[in-house]
Amino acid sequence: MYIPRPLLILLIILYLLFLLSVDWINQMEGTWYRPFLVGFLIIAIASWTHREQDSDEL
């Protein structure tokens, strides 16, 4: 089974971010946009890895 590189990178980043930032995201003293910041970083990294593909690979 072939897993596209952007999807594999996204899954690895999601896994690492989840392990490293669960407590950081859920702190009550933190700012309201923390979960959105993490989500934005995930989307930005996924789009960056996806831009390197040729249109034929889509």
N, C-alpha and C. Protein backbone atom coordinates (compact mmCIF):
# COMPACT_ATOMS: atom_id res chain seq x y z
N MET A 1 0.84 -1.18 0.00
CA MET A 1 0.00 0.00 0.00
C MET A 1 0.89 1.24 0.00
N TYR A 2 0.59 2.15 -0.89
CA TYR A 2 1.37 3.38 -1.02
C TYR A 2 0.74 4.48 -0.18
N ILE A 3 1.55 5.10 0.68
CA ILE A 3 1.11 6.24 1.48
C ILE A 3 1.82 7.47 0.94
N PRO A 4 1.08 8.47 0.48
CA PRO A 4 1.72 9.67 -0.06
C PRO A 4 2.58 10.36 1.01
N ARG A 5 3.68 10.93 0.54
CA ARG A 5 4.62 11.56 1.44
C ARG A 5 4.00 12.68 2.27
N PRO A 6 3.17 13.57 1.71
CA PRO A 6 2.56 14.61 2.55
C PRO A 6 1.69 14.04 3.67
N LEU A 7 0.98 12.96 3.38
CA LEU A 7 0.14 12.35 4.40
C LEU A 7 0.99 11.71 5.49
N LEU A 8 2.05 11.06 5.12
CA LEU A 8 2.94 10.45 6.10
C LEU A 8 3.59 11.50 6.98
N ILE A 9 4.06 12.58 6.40
CA ILE A 9 4.66 13.66 7.19
C ILE A 9 3.63 14.28 8.12
N LEU A 10 2.42 14.48 7.62
CA LEU A 10 1.36 15.05 8.45
C LEU A 10 1.03 14.15 9.63
N LEU A 11 0.96 12.85 9.41
CA LEU A 11 0.67 11.94 10.51
C LEU A 11 1.77 11.93 11.56
N ILE A 12 3.01 11.98 11.13
CA ILE A 12 4.13 12.01 12.07
C ILE A 12 4.11 13.30 12.88
N ILE A 13 3.86 14.41 12.22
CA ILE A 13 3.82 15.70 12.93
C ILE A 13 2.65 15.73 13.90
N LEU A 14 1.50 15.24 13.48
CA LEU A 14 0.34 15.19 14.38
C LEU A 14 0.64 14.35 15.62
N TYR A 15 1.26 13.23 15.42
CA TYR A 15 1.61 12.36 16.54
C TYR A 15 2.58 13.05 17.51
N LEU A 16 3.61 13.67 16.97
CA LEU A 16 4.59 14.35 17.82
C LEU A 16 3.99 15.55 18.53
N LEU A 17 3.19 16.34 17.81
CA LEU A 17 2.55 17.49 18.44
C LEU A 17 1.57 17.07 19.52
N PHE A 18 0.88 15.99 19.30
CA PHE A 18 -0.06 15.52 20.31
C PHE A 18 0.67 15.11 21.58
N LEU A 19 1.76 14.37 21.42
CA LEU A 19 2.52 13.93 22.59
C LEU A 19 3.16 15.09 23.34
N LEU A 20 3.65 16.06 22.61
CA LEU A 20 4.39 17.14 23.25
C LEU A 20 3.53 18.29 23.77
N SER A 21 2.31 18.42 23.27
CA SER A 21 1.57 19.63 23.59
C SER A 21 0.19 19.44 24.20
N VAL A 22 -0.15 18.26 24.65
CA VAL A 22 -1.48 18.05 25.23
C VAL A 22 -1.66 18.94 26.46
N ASP A 23 -0.72 18.92 27.37
CA ASP A 23 -0.83 19.75 28.57
C ASP A 23 -0.72 21.23 28.23
N TRP A 24 0.13 21.57 27.28
CA TRP A 24 0.32 22.97 26.91
C TRP A 24 -0.96 23.57 26.32
N ILE A 25 -1.67 22.81 25.52
CA ILE A 25 -2.90 23.30 24.90
C ILE A 25 -4.02 23.44 25.93
N ASN A 26 -4.10 22.51 26.87
CA ASN A 26 -5.22 22.47 27.81
C ASN A 26 -5.03 23.31 29.06
N GLN A 27 -3.99 24.07 29.18
CA GLN A 27 -3.80 24.91 30.36
C GLN A 27 -4.86 26.00 30.41
N MET A 28 -5.47 26.17 31.55
CA MET A 28 -6.53 27.17 31.69
C MET A 28 -5.96 28.59 31.70
N GLU A 29 -4.72 28.75 32.11
CA GLU A 29 -4.11 30.08 32.16
C GLU A 29 -3.64 30.57 30.80
N GLY A 30 -3.64 29.71 29.84
CA GLY A 30 -3.12 30.04 28.51
C GLY A 30 -4.07 30.92 27.72
N THR A 31 -3.59 31.37 26.59
CA THR A 31 -4.41 32.21 25.71
C THR A 31 -5.42 31.36 24.97
N TRP A 32 -6.47 31.98 24.47
CA TRP A 32 -7.59 31.27 23.85
C TRP A 32 -7.22 30.70 22.49
N TYR A 33 -6.18 31.23 21.84
CA TYR A 33 -5.88 30.81 20.48
C TYR A 33 -4.83 29.71 20.40
N ARG A 34 -4.41 29.14 21.48
CA ARG A 34 -3.40 28.08 21.44
C ARG A 34 -3.81 26.89 20.58
N PRO A 35 -4.99 26.31 20.78
CA PRO A 35 -5.34 25.16 19.92
C PRO A 35 -5.41 25.54 18.44
N PHE A 36 -5.85 26.76 18.15
CA PHE A 36 -5.93 27.20 16.77
C PHE A 36 -4.54 27.39 16.17
N LEU A 37 -3.59 27.84 16.98
CA LEU A 37 -2.22 28.02 16.53
C LEU A 37 -1.61 26.67 16.15
N VAL A 38 -1.84 25.67 16.97
CA VAL A 38 -1.32 24.33 16.67
C VAL A 38 -1.96 23.78 15.39
N GLY A 39 -3.26 23.97 15.26
CA GLY A 39 -3.95 23.52 14.04
C GLY A 39 -3.45 24.23 12.80
N PHE A 40 -3.20 25.53 12.91
CA PHE A 40 -2.67 26.29 11.79
C PHE A 40 -1.28 25.79 11.39
N LEU A 41 -0.45 25.48 12.36
CA LEU A 41 0.88 24.96 12.06
C LEU A 41 0.81 23.61 11.34
N ILE A 42 -0.12 22.78 11.75
CA ILE A 42 -0.29 21.48 11.10
C ILE A 42 -0.72 21.67 9.65
N ILE A 43 -1.69 22.55 9.42
CA ILE A 43 -2.16 22.81 8.06
C ILE A 43 -1.06 23.44 7.20
N ALA A 44 -0.28 24.36 7.77
CA ALA A 44 0.79 25.00 7.03
C ALA A 44 1.87 24.01 6.62
N ILE A 45 2.22 23.11 7.51
CA ILE A 45 3.25 22.11 7.19
C ILE A 45 2.73 21.14 6.14
N ALA A 46 1.46 20.74 6.25
CA ALA A 46 0.90 19.82 5.25
C ALA A 46 0.83 20.47 3.88
N SER A 47 0.45 21.75 3.83
CA SER A 47 0.39 22.41 2.53
C SER A 47 1.78 22.63 1.95
N TRP A 48 2.76 22.86 2.80
CA TRP A 48 4.14 23.03 2.33
C TRP A 48 4.65 21.72 1.72
N THR A 49 4.34 20.58 2.33
CA THR A 49 4.80 19.32 1.77
C THR A 49 4.02 18.96 0.51
N HIS A 50 2.79 19.41 0.40
CA HIS A 50 1.97 19.09 -0.76
C HIS A 50 2.36 19.92 -1.99
N ARG A 51 2.94 21.08 -1.81
CA ARG A 51 3.27 21.96 -2.93
C ARG A 51 4.39 21.38 -3.79
N GLU A 52 5.16 20.46 -3.30
CA GLU A 52 6.29 19.90 -4.03
C GLU A 52 5.87 18.84 -5.03
N GLN A 53 4.62 18.41 -5.01
CA GLN A 53 4.18 17.38 -5.94
C GLN A 53 3.89 17.98 -7.31
N ASP A 54 4.11 17.18 -8.34
CA ASP A 54 3.73 17.58 -9.69
C ASP A 54 2.22 17.43 -9.84
N SER A 55 1.66 18.12 -10.79
CA SER A 55 0.22 18.00 -11.00
C SER A 55 -0.18 16.61 -11.49
N ASP A 56 0.75 15.87 -12.05
CA ASP A 56 0.45 14.52 -12.52
C ASP A 56 0.28 13.54 -11.35
N GLU A 57 0.86 13.87 -10.21
CA GLU A 57 0.78 12.98 -9.06
C GLU A 57 -0.51 13.14 -8.30
N LEU A 58 -1.26 14.17 -8.56
CA LEU A 58 -2.50 14.39 -7.84
C LEU A 58 -3.52 13.40 -8.34
